mmCIF file of all heavy atoms, coordinates in Angstrom:
data_MODEL
# 
_entry.id   MODEL 
# 
loop_
_atom_site.group_PDB 
_atom_site.id 
_atom_site.type_symbol 
_atom_site.label_atom_id 
_atom_site.label_alt_id 
_atom_site.label_comp_id 
_atom_site.label_asym_id 
_atom_site.label_entity_id 
_atom_site.label_seq_id 
_atom_site.pdbx_PDB_ins_code 
_atom_site.Cartn_x 
_atom_site.Cartn_y 
_atom_site.Cartn_z 
_atom_site.occupancy 
_atom_site.B_iso_or_equiv 
_atom_site.pdbx_formal_charge 
_atom_site.auth_seq_id 
_atom_site.auth_comp_id 
_atom_site.auth_asym_id 
_atom_site.auth_atom_id 
_atom_site.pdbx_PDB_model_num 
ATOM 1   N N   . LEU A 1 1  ? 2.406   3.629  -12.938 1.00 0.00 ? 1  LEU A N   1 
ATOM 2   C CA  . LEU A 1 1  ? 2.304   3.311  -14.344 1.00 0.00 ? 1  LEU A CA  1 
ATOM 3   C C   . LEU A 1 1  ? 3.437   2.440  -14.918 1.00 0.00 ? 1  LEU A C   1 
ATOM 4   O O   . LEU A 1 1  ? 3.185   1.431  -15.634 1.00 0.00 ? 1  LEU A O   1 
ATOM 5   C CB  . LEU A 1 1  ? 2.221   4.647  -15.142 1.00 0.00 ? 1  LEU A CB  1 
ATOM 6   C CG  . LEU A 1 1  ? 0.880   5.392  -15.190 1.00 0.00 ? 1  LEU A CG  1 
ATOM 7   C CD1 . LEU A 1 1  ? 1.142   6.758  -15.806 1.00 0.00 ? 1  LEU A CD1 1 
ATOM 8   C CD2 . LEU A 1 1  ? -0.108  4.627  -15.902 1.00 0.00 ? 1  LEU A CD2 1 
ATOM 9   N N   . PRO A 1 2  ? 4.731   2.721  -14.547 1.00 0.00 ? 2  PRO A N   1 
ATOM 10  C CA  . PRO A 1 2  ? 5.764   1.840  -15.135 1.00 0.00 ? 2  PRO A CA  1 
ATOM 11  C C   . PRO A 1 2  ? 5.635   0.391  -14.643 1.00 0.00 ? 2  PRO A C   1 
ATOM 12  O O   . PRO A 1 2  ? 5.903   -0.559 -15.374 1.00 0.00 ? 2  PRO A O   1 
ATOM 13  C CB  . PRO A 1 2  ? 7.026   2.542  -14.673 1.00 0.00 ? 2  PRO A CB  1 
ATOM 14  C CG  . PRO A 1 2  ? 6.769   3.964  -14.396 1.00 0.00 ? 2  PRO A CG  1 
ATOM 15  C CD  . PRO A 1 2  ? 5.300   3.895  -13.969 1.00 0.00 ? 2  PRO A CD  1 
ATOM 16  N N   . ARG A 1 3  ? 5.248   0.265  -13.430 1.00 0.00 ? 3  ARG A N   1 
ATOM 17  C CA  . ARG A 1 3  ? 5.127   -1.049 -12.845 1.00 0.00 ? 3  ARG A CA  1 
ATOM 18  C C   . ARG A 1 3  ? 3.937   -1.832 -13.387 1.00 0.00 ? 3  ARG A C   1 
ATOM 19  O O   . ARG A 1 3  ? 4.038   -3.080 -13.718 1.00 0.00 ? 3  ARG A O   1 
ATOM 20  C CB  . ARG A 1 3  ? 4.940   -0.923 -11.279 1.00 0.00 ? 3  ARG A CB  1 
ATOM 21  C CG  . ARG A 1 3  ? 4.601   -2.224 -10.605 1.00 0.00 ? 3  ARG A CG  1 
ATOM 22  C CD  . ARG A 1 3  ? 4.814   -2.050 -9.054  1.00 0.00 ? 3  ARG A CD  1 
ATOM 23  N NE  . ARG A 1 3  ? 4.129   -0.944 -8.561  1.00 0.00 ? 3  ARG A NE  1 
ATOM 24  C CZ  . ARG A 1 3  ? 2.789   -1.008 -8.176  1.00 0.00 ? 3  ARG A CZ  1 
ATOM 25  N NH1 . ARG A 1 3  ? 2.105   -2.190 -8.263  1.00 0.00 ? 3  ARG A NH1 1 
ATOM 26  N NH2 . ARG A 1 3  ? 2.242   0.079  -7.633  1.00 0.00 ? 3  ARG A NH2 1 
ATOM 27  N N   . LEU A 1 4  ? 2.868   -1.173 -13.678 1.00 0.00 ? 4  LEU A N   1 
ATOM 28  C CA  . LEU A 1 4  ? 1.651   -1.807 -14.210 1.00 0.00 ? 4  LEU A CA  1 
ATOM 29  C C   . LEU A 1 4  ? 1.630   -1.938 -15.730 1.00 0.00 ? 4  LEU A C   1 
ATOM 30  O O   . LEU A 1 4  ? 1.204   -2.984 -16.245 1.00 0.00 ? 4  LEU A O   1 
ATOM 31  C CB  . LEU A 1 4  ? 0.384   -0.889 -13.813 1.00 0.00 ? 4  LEU A CB  1 
ATOM 32  C CG  . LEU A 1 4  ? 0.077   -0.862 -12.352 1.00 0.00 ? 4  LEU A CG  1 
ATOM 33  C CD1 . LEU A 1 4  ? -1.088  0.095  -12.076 1.00 0.00 ? 4  LEU A CD1 1 
ATOM 34  C CD2 . LEU A 1 4  ? -0.150  -2.201 -11.697 1.00 0.00 ? 4  LEU A CD2 1 
ATOM 35  N N   . TYR A 1 5  ? 2.203   -0.982 -16.475 1.00 0.00 ? 5  TYR A N   1 
ATOM 36  C CA  . TYR A 1 5  ? 2.017   -0.974 -17.899 1.00 0.00 ? 5  TYR A CA  1 
ATOM 37  C C   . TYR A 1 5  ? 3.396   -0.856 -18.636 1.00 0.00 ? 5  TYR A C   1 
ATOM 38  O O   . TYR A 1 5  ? 3.360   -0.718 -19.885 1.00 0.00 ? 5  TYR A O   1 
ATOM 39  C CB  . TYR A 1 5  ? 1.113   0.166  -18.468 1.00 0.00 ? 5  TYR A CB  1 
ATOM 40  C CG  . TYR A 1 5  ? -0.253  0.068  -17.647 1.00 0.00 ? 5  TYR A CG  1 
ATOM 41  C CD1 . TYR A 1 5  ? -0.659  0.910  -16.761 1.00 0.00 ? 5  TYR A CD1 1 
ATOM 42  C CD2 . TYR A 1 5  ? -1.147  -1.079 -18.025 1.00 0.00 ? 5  TYR A CD2 1 
ATOM 43  C CE1 . TYR A 1 5  ? -1.861  0.860  -16.130 1.00 0.00 ? 5  TYR A CE1 1 
ATOM 44  C CE2 . TYR A 1 5  ? -2.339  -1.171 -17.359 1.00 0.00 ? 5  TYR A CE2 1 
ATOM 45  C CZ  . TYR A 1 5  ? -2.734  -0.210 -16.423 1.00 0.00 ? 5  TYR A CZ  1 
ATOM 46  O OH  . TYR A 1 5  ? -3.962  -0.341 -15.820 1.00 0.00 ? 5  TYR A OH  1 
ATOM 47  N N   . GLY A 1 6  ? 4.510   -0.737 -17.990 1.00 0.00 ? 6  GLY A N   1 
ATOM 48  C CA  . GLY A 1 6  ? 5.801   -0.662 -18.626 1.00 0.00 ? 6  GLY A CA  1 
ATOM 49  C C   . GLY A 1 6  ? 6.129   0.710  -18.978 1.00 0.00 ? 6  GLY A C   1 
ATOM 50  O O   . GLY A 1 6  ? 5.390   1.666  -18.609 1.00 0.00 ? 6  GLY A O   1 
ATOM 51  N N   . PRO A 1 7  ? 7.202   0.939  -19.654 1.00 0.00 ? 7  PRO A N   1 
ATOM 52  C CA  . PRO A 1 7  ? 7.706   2.310  -19.961 1.00 0.00 ? 7  PRO A CA  1 
ATOM 53  C C   . PRO A 1 7  ? 6.832   3.059  -21.021 1.00 0.00 ? 7  PRO A C   1 
ATOM 54  O O   . PRO A 1 7  ? 6.892   4.260  -21.127 1.00 0.00 ? 7  PRO A O   1 
ATOM 55  C CB  . PRO A 1 7  ? 9.111   2.089  -20.481 1.00 0.00 ? 7  PRO A CB  1 
ATOM 56  C CG  . PRO A 1 7  ? 9.085   0.715  -21.084 1.00 0.00 ? 7  PRO A CG  1 
ATOM 57  C CD  . PRO A 1 7  ? 8.213   -0.023 -20.247 1.00 0.00 ? 7  PRO A CD  1 
ATOM 58  N N   . GLY A 1 8  ? 5.992   2.346  -21.767 1.00 0.00 ? 8  GLY A N   1 
ATOM 59  C CA  . GLY A 1 8  ? 5.203   2.975  -22.827 1.00 0.00 ? 8  GLY A CA  1 
ATOM 60  C C   . GLY A 1 8  ? 3.740   3.228  -22.542 1.00 0.00 ? 8  GLY A C   1 
ATOM 61  O O   . GLY A 1 8  ? 2.910   3.115  -23.329 1.00 0.00 ? 8  GLY A O   1 
ATOM 62  N N   . ALA A 1 9  ? 3.471   3.437  -21.194 1.00 0.00 ? 9  ALA A N   1 
ATOM 63  C CA  . ALA A 1 9  ? 2.082   3.542  -20.793 1.00 0.00 ? 9  ALA A CA  1 
ATOM 64  C C   . ALA A 1 9  ? 1.366   4.665  -21.544 1.00 0.00 ? 9  ALA A C   1 
ATOM 65  O O   . ALA A 1 9  ? 1.924   5.716  -21.849 1.00 0.00 ? 9  ALA A O   1 
ATOM 66  C CB  . ALA A 1 9  ? 1.980   3.839  -19.283 1.00 0.00 ? 9  ALA A CB  1 
ATOM 67  N N   . ARG A 1 10 ? 0.093   4.428  -21.833 1.00 0.00 ? 10 ARG A N   1 
ATOM 68  C CA  . ARG A 1 10 ? -0.768  5.365  -22.598 1.00 0.00 ? 10 ARG A CA  1 
ATOM 69  C C   . ARG A 1 10 ? -1.779  6.027  -21.603 1.00 0.00 ? 10 ARG A C   1 
ATOM 70  O O   . ARG A 1 10 ? -2.517  5.259  -21.007 1.00 0.00 ? 10 ARG A O   1 
ATOM 71  C CB  . ARG A 1 10 ? -1.440  4.640  -23.704 1.00 0.00 ? 10 ARG A CB  1 
ATOM 72  C CG  . ARG A 1 10 ? -0.450  3.956  -24.698 1.00 0.00 ? 10 ARG A CG  1 
ATOM 73  C CD  . ARG A 1 10 ? -1.279  2.969  -25.572 1.00 0.00 ? 10 ARG A CD  1 
ATOM 74  N NE  . ARG A 1 10 ? -1.829  1.902  -24.681 1.00 0.00 ? 10 ARG A NE  1 
ATOM 75  C CZ  . ARG A 1 10 ? -2.676  0.984  -25.208 1.00 0.00 ? 10 ARG A CZ  1 
ATOM 76  N NH1 . ARG A 1 10 ? -3.000  0.965  -26.446 1.00 0.00 ? 10 ARG A NH1 1 
ATOM 77  N NH2 . ARG A 1 10 ? -3.182  0.115  -24.388 1.00 0.00 ? 10 ARG A NH2 1 
ATOM 78  N N   . VAL A 1 11 ? -1.698  7.286  -21.468 1.00 0.00 ? 11 VAL A N   1 
ATOM 79  C CA  . VAL A 1 11 ? -2.446  8.017  -20.421 1.00 0.00 ? 11 VAL A CA  1 
ATOM 80  C C   . VAL A 1 11 ? -3.392  9.028  -21.004 1.00 0.00 ? 11 VAL A C   1 
ATOM 81  O O   . VAL A 1 11 ? -2.912  9.828  -21.965 1.00 0.00 ? 11 VAL A O   1 
ATOM 82  C CB  . VAL A 1 11 ? -1.460  8.772  -19.430 1.00 0.00 ? 11 VAL A CB  1 
ATOM 83  C CG1 . VAL A 1 11 ? -2.312  9.509  -18.333 1.00 0.00 ? 11 VAL A CG1 1 
ATOM 84  C CG2 . VAL A 1 11 ? -0.491  7.681  -18.804 1.00 0.00 ? 11 VAL A CG2 1 
ATOM 85  N N   . GLY A 1 12 ? -4.646  9.068  -20.589 1.00 0.00 ? 12 GLY A N   1 
ATOM 86  C CA  . GLY A 1 12 ? -5.589  10.121 -20.972 1.00 0.00 ? 12 GLY A CA  1 
ATOM 87  C C   . GLY A 1 12 ? -6.033  10.872 -19.670 1.00 0.00 ? 12 GLY A C   1 
ATOM 88  O O   . GLY A 1 12 ? -6.257  10.276 -18.595 1.00 0.00 ? 12 GLY A O   1 
ATOM 89  N N   . VAL A 1 13 ? -6.164  12.144 -19.792 1.00 0.00 ? 13 VAL A N   1 
ATOM 90  C CA  . VAL A 1 13 ? -6.664  13.084 -18.690 1.00 0.00 ? 13 VAL A CA  1 
ATOM 91  C C   . VAL A 1 13 ? -7.789  13.949 -19.196 1.00 0.00 ? 13 VAL A C   1 
ATOM 92  O O   . VAL A 1 13 ? -7.615  14.687 -20.139 1.00 0.00 ? 13 VAL A O   1 
ATOM 93  C CB  . VAL A 1 13 ? -5.575  13.888 -18.106 1.00 0.00 ? 13 VAL A CB  1 
ATOM 94  C CG1 . VAL A 1 13 ? -6.066  14.774 -17.000 1.00 0.00 ? 13 VAL A CG1 1 
ATOM 95  C CG2 . VAL A 1 13 ? -4.370  13.024 -17.590 1.00 0.00 ? 13 VAL A CG2 1 
ATOM 96  N N   . VAL A 1 14 ? -8.909  13.772 -18.473 1.00 0.00 ? 14 VAL A N   1 
ATOM 97  C CA  . VAL A 1 14 ? -10.086 14.602 -18.813 1.00 0.00 ? 14 VAL A CA  1 
ATOM 98  C C   . VAL A 1 14 ? -10.099 15.796 -17.935 1.00 0.00 ? 14 VAL A C   1 
ATOM 99  O O   . VAL A 1 14 ? -10.382 15.646 -16.712 1.00 0.00 ? 14 VAL A O   1 
ATOM 100 C CB  . VAL A 1 14 ? -11.416 13.797 -18.765 1.00 0.00 ? 14 VAL A CB  1 
ATOM 101 C CG1 . VAL A 1 14 ? -12.628 14.689 -18.968 1.00 0.00 ? 14 VAL A CG1 1 
ATOM 102 C CG2 . VAL A 1 14 ? -11.441 12.635 -19.705 1.00 0.00 ? 14 VAL A CG2 1 
ATOM 103 N N   . GLY A 1 15 ? -9.817  16.899 -18.437 1.00 0.00 ? 15 GLY A N   1 
ATOM 104 C CA  . GLY A 1 15 ? -9.806  18.238 -17.641 1.00 0.00 ? 15 GLY A CA  1 
ATOM 105 C C   . GLY A 1 15 ? -8.328  18.607 -17.459 1.00 0.00 ? 15 GLY A C   1 
ATOM 106 O O   . GLY A 1 15 ? -7.589  17.968 -16.735 1.00 0.00 ? 15 GLY A O   1 
ATOM 107 N N   . LEU A 1 16 ? -7.942  19.702 -18.113 1.00 0.00 ? 16 LEU A N   1 
ATOM 108 C CA  . LEU A 1 16 ? -6.511  20.082 -18.053 1.00 0.00 ? 16 LEU A CA  1 
ATOM 109 C C   . LEU A 1 16 ? -6.172  20.945 -16.856 1.00 0.00 ? 16 LEU A C   1 
ATOM 110 O O   . LEU A 1 16 ? -5.191  20.746 -16.215 1.00 0.00 ? 16 LEU A O   1 
ATOM 111 C CB  . LEU A 1 16 ? -6.186  20.852 -19.401 1.00 0.00 ? 16 LEU A CB  1 
ATOM 112 C CG  . LEU A 1 16 ? -4.812  21.523 -19.522 1.00 0.00 ? 16 LEU A CG  1 
ATOM 113 C CD1 . LEU A 1 16 ? -3.772  20.372 -19.497 1.00 0.00 ? 16 LEU A CD1 1 
ATOM 114 C CD2 . LEU A 1 16 ? -4.760  22.285 -20.801 1.00 0.00 ? 16 LEU A CD2 1 
ATOM 115 N N   . GLY A 1 17 ? -7.076  21.888 -16.484 1.00 0.00 ? 17 GLY A N   1 
ATOM 116 C CA  . GLY A 1 17 ? -6.711  22.733 -15.365 1.00 0.00 ? 17 GLY A CA  1 
ATOM 117 C C   . GLY A 1 17 ? -5.409  23.482 -15.595 1.00 0.00 ? 17 GLY A C   1 
ATOM 118 O O   . GLY A 1 17 ? -5.182  23.984 -16.760 1.00 0.00 ? 17 GLY A O   1 
ATOM 119 N N   . SER A 1 18 ? -4.619  23.581 -14.619 1.00 0.00 ? 18 SER A N   1 
ATOM 120 C CA  . SER A 1 18 ? -3.313  24.232 -14.769 1.00 0.00 ? 18 SER A CA  1 
ATOM 121 C C   . SER A 1 18 ? -2.302  23.310 -15.339 1.00 0.00 ? 18 SER A C   1 
ATOM 122 O O   . SER A 1 18 ? -1.122  23.689 -15.540 1.00 0.00 ? 18 SER A O   1 
ATOM 123 C CB  . SER A 1 18 ? -2.820  24.742 -13.393 1.00 0.00 ? 18 SER A CB  1 
ATOM 124 O OG  . SER A 1 18 ? -2.756  23.722 -12.502 1.00 0.00 ? 18 SER A OG  1 
ATOM 125 N N   . GLY A 1 19 ? -2.627  22.021 -15.586 1.00 0.00 ? 19 GLY A N   1 
ATOM 126 C CA  . GLY A 1 19 ? -1.690  21.057 -16.163 1.00 0.00 ? 19 GLY A CA  1 
ATOM 127 C C   . GLY A 1 19 ? -0.843  20.386 -15.122 1.00 0.00 ? 19 GLY A C   1 
ATOM 128 O O   . GLY A 1 19 ? 0.169   19.669 -15.467 1.00 0.00 ? 19 GLY A O   1 
ATOM 129 N N   . THR A 1 20 ? -1.234  20.280 -13.904 1.00 0.00 ? 20 THR A N   1 
ATOM 130 C CA  . THR A 1 20 ? -0.452  19.700 -12.793 1.00 0.00 ? 20 THR A CA  1 
ATOM 131 C C   . THR A 1 20 ? 0.029   18.240 -13.092 1.00 0.00 ? 20 THR A C   1 
ATOM 132 O O   . THR A 1 20 ? 1.087   17.877 -12.887 1.00 0.00 ? 20 THR A O   1 
ATOM 133 C CB  . THR A 1 20 ? -1.287  19.766 -11.477 1.00 0.00 ? 20 THR A CB  1 
ATOM 134 O OG1 . THR A 1 20 ? -1.735  21.072 -11.314 1.00 0.00 ? 20 THR A OG1 1 
ATOM 135 C CG2 . THR A 1 20 ? -0.324  19.397 -10.343 1.00 0.00 ? 20 THR A CG2 1 
ATOM 136 N N   . LEU A 1 21 ? -1.054  17.428 -13.512 1.00 0.00 ? 21 LEU A N   1 
ATOM 137 C CA  . LEU A 1 21 ? -0.790  16.011 -13.754 1.00 0.00 ? 21 LEU A CA  1 
ATOM 138 C C   . LEU A 1 21 ? 0.334   15.744 -14.760 1.00 0.00 ? 21 LEU A C   1 
ATOM 139 O O   . LEU A 1 21 ? 0.892   14.655 -14.707 1.00 0.00 ? 21 LEU A O   1 
ATOM 140 C CB  . LEU A 1 21 ? -2.009  15.221 -14.154 1.00 0.00 ? 21 LEU A CB  1 
ATOM 141 C CG  . LEU A 1 21 ? -3.039  15.102 -13.013 1.00 0.00 ? 21 LEU A CG  1 
ATOM 142 C CD1 . LEU A 1 21 ? -4.364  14.423 -13.535 1.00 0.00 ? 21 LEU A CD1 1 
ATOM 143 C CD2 . LEU A 1 21 ? -2.505  14.194 -11.873 1.00 0.00 ? 21 LEU A CD2 1 
ATOM 144 N N   . ALA A 1 22 ? 0.595   16.718 -15.629 1.00 0.00 ? 22 ALA A N   1 
ATOM 145 C CA  . ALA A 1 22 ? 1.630   16.434 -16.627 1.00 0.00 ? 22 ALA A CA  1 
ATOM 146 C C   . ALA A 1 22 ? 2.961   16.159 -16.021 1.00 0.00 ? 22 ALA A C   1 
ATOM 147 O O   . ALA A 1 22 ? 3.856   15.532 -16.629 1.00 0.00 ? 22 ALA A O   1 
ATOM 148 C CB  . ALA A 1 22 ? 1.707   17.709 -17.516 1.00 0.00 ? 22 ALA A CB  1 
ATOM 149 N N   . CYS A 1 23 ? 3.275   16.569 -14.820 1.00 0.00 ? 23 CYS A N   1 
ATOM 150 C CA  . CYS A 1 23 ? 4.485   16.457 -14.191 1.00 0.00 ? 23 CYS A CA  1 
ATOM 151 C C   . CYS A 1 23 ? 4.677   14.993 -13.659 1.00 0.00 ? 23 CYS A C   1 
ATOM 152 O O   . CYS A 1 23 ? 5.748   14.684 -13.011 1.00 0.00 ? 23 CYS A O   1 
ATOM 153 C CB  . CYS A 1 23 ? 4.820   17.455 -13.067 1.00 0.00 ? 23 CYS A CB  1 
ATOM 154 S SG  . CYS A 1 23 ? 5.255   19.065 -13.783 1.00 0.00 ? 23 CYS A SG  1 
ATOM 155 N N   . TYR A 1 24 ? 3.717   14.097 -13.910 1.00 0.00 ? 24 TYR A N   1 
ATOM 156 C CA  . TYR A 1 24 ? 3.965   12.752 -13.592 1.00 0.00 ? 24 TYR A CA  1 
ATOM 157 C C   . TYR A 1 24 ? 4.395   11.970 -14.845 1.00 0.00 ? 24 TYR A C   1 
ATOM 158 O O   . TYR A 1 24 ? 4.732   10.763 -14.795 1.00 0.00 ? 24 TYR A O   1 
ATOM 159 C CB  . TYR A 1 24 ? 2.687   12.126 -13.120 1.00 0.00 ? 24 TYR A CB  1 
ATOM 160 C CG  . TYR A 1 24 ? 2.291   12.367 -11.668 1.00 0.00 ? 24 TYR A CG  1 
ATOM 161 C CD1 . TYR A 1 24 ? 1.270   13.261 -11.353 1.00 0.00 ? 24 TYR A CD1 1 
ATOM 162 C CD2 . TYR A 1 24 ? 3.005   11.785 -10.671 1.00 0.00 ? 24 TYR A CD2 1 
ATOM 163 C CE1 . TYR A 1 24 ? 0.928   13.482 -10.067 1.00 0.00 ? 24 TYR A CE1 1 
ATOM 164 C CE2 . TYR A 1 24 ? 2.734   12.054 -9.323  1.00 0.00 ? 24 TYR A CE2 1 
ATOM 165 C CZ  . TYR A 1 24 ? 1.669   12.927 -8.999  1.00 0.00 ? 24 TYR A CZ  1 
ATOM 166 O OH  . TYR A 1 24 ? 1.377   13.164 -7.740  1.00 0.00 ? 24 TYR A OH  1 
ATOM 167 N N   . ALA A 1 25 ? 4.395   12.609 -16.056 1.00 0.00 ? 25 ALA A N   1 
ATOM 168 C CA  . ALA A 1 25 ? 4.801   12.033 -17.331 1.00 0.00 ? 25 ALA A CA  1 
ATOM 169 C C   . ALA A 1 25 ? 6.309   11.607 -17.280 1.00 0.00 ? 25 ALA A C   1 
ATOM 170 O O   . ALA A 1 25 ? 7.187   12.335 -16.755 1.00 0.00 ? 25 ALA A O   1 
ATOM 171 C CB  . ALA A 1 25 ? 4.468   12.970 -18.494 1.00 0.00 ? 25 ALA A CB  1 
ATOM 172 N N   . ARG A 1 26 ? 6.554   10.495 -17.892 1.00 0.00 ? 26 ARG A N   1 
ATOM 173 C CA  . ARG A 1 26 ? 7.964   9.969  -18.042 1.00 0.00 ? 26 ARG A CA  1 
ATOM 174 C C   . ARG A 1 26 ? 8.209   9.745  -19.521 1.00 0.00 ? 26 ARG A C   1 
ATOM 175 O O   . ARG A 1 26 ? 7.376   9.514  -20.370 1.00 0.00 ? 26 ARG A O   1 
ATOM 176 C CB  . ARG A 1 26 ? 8.091   8.667  -17.269 1.00 0.00 ? 26 ARG A CB  1 
ATOM 177 C CG  . ARG A 1 26 ? 7.866   8.872  -15.775 1.00 0.00 ? 26 ARG A CG  1 
ATOM 178 C CD  . ARG A 1 26 ? 8.992   9.701  -15.176 1.00 0.00 ? 26 ARG A CD  1 
ATOM 179 N NE  . ARG A 1 26 ? 8.807   9.953  -13.637 1.00 0.00 ? 26 ARG A NE  1 
ATOM 180 C CZ  . ARG A 1 26 ? 8.222   10.971 -13.164 1.00 0.00 ? 26 ARG A CZ  1 
ATOM 181 N NH1 . ARG A 1 26 ? 7.803   12.008 -14.050 1.00 0.00 ? 26 ARG A NH1 1 
ATOM 182 N NH2 . ARG A 1 26 ? 8.072   11.119 -11.931 1.00 0.00 ? 26 ARG A NH2 1 
# 
């Protein structure tokens, strides 16, 4: 994400589950 879209990347995730993907947030 930082390489492709810079430090202010805008991310959407469909399906929360246990919230695992949140730990990629910067």
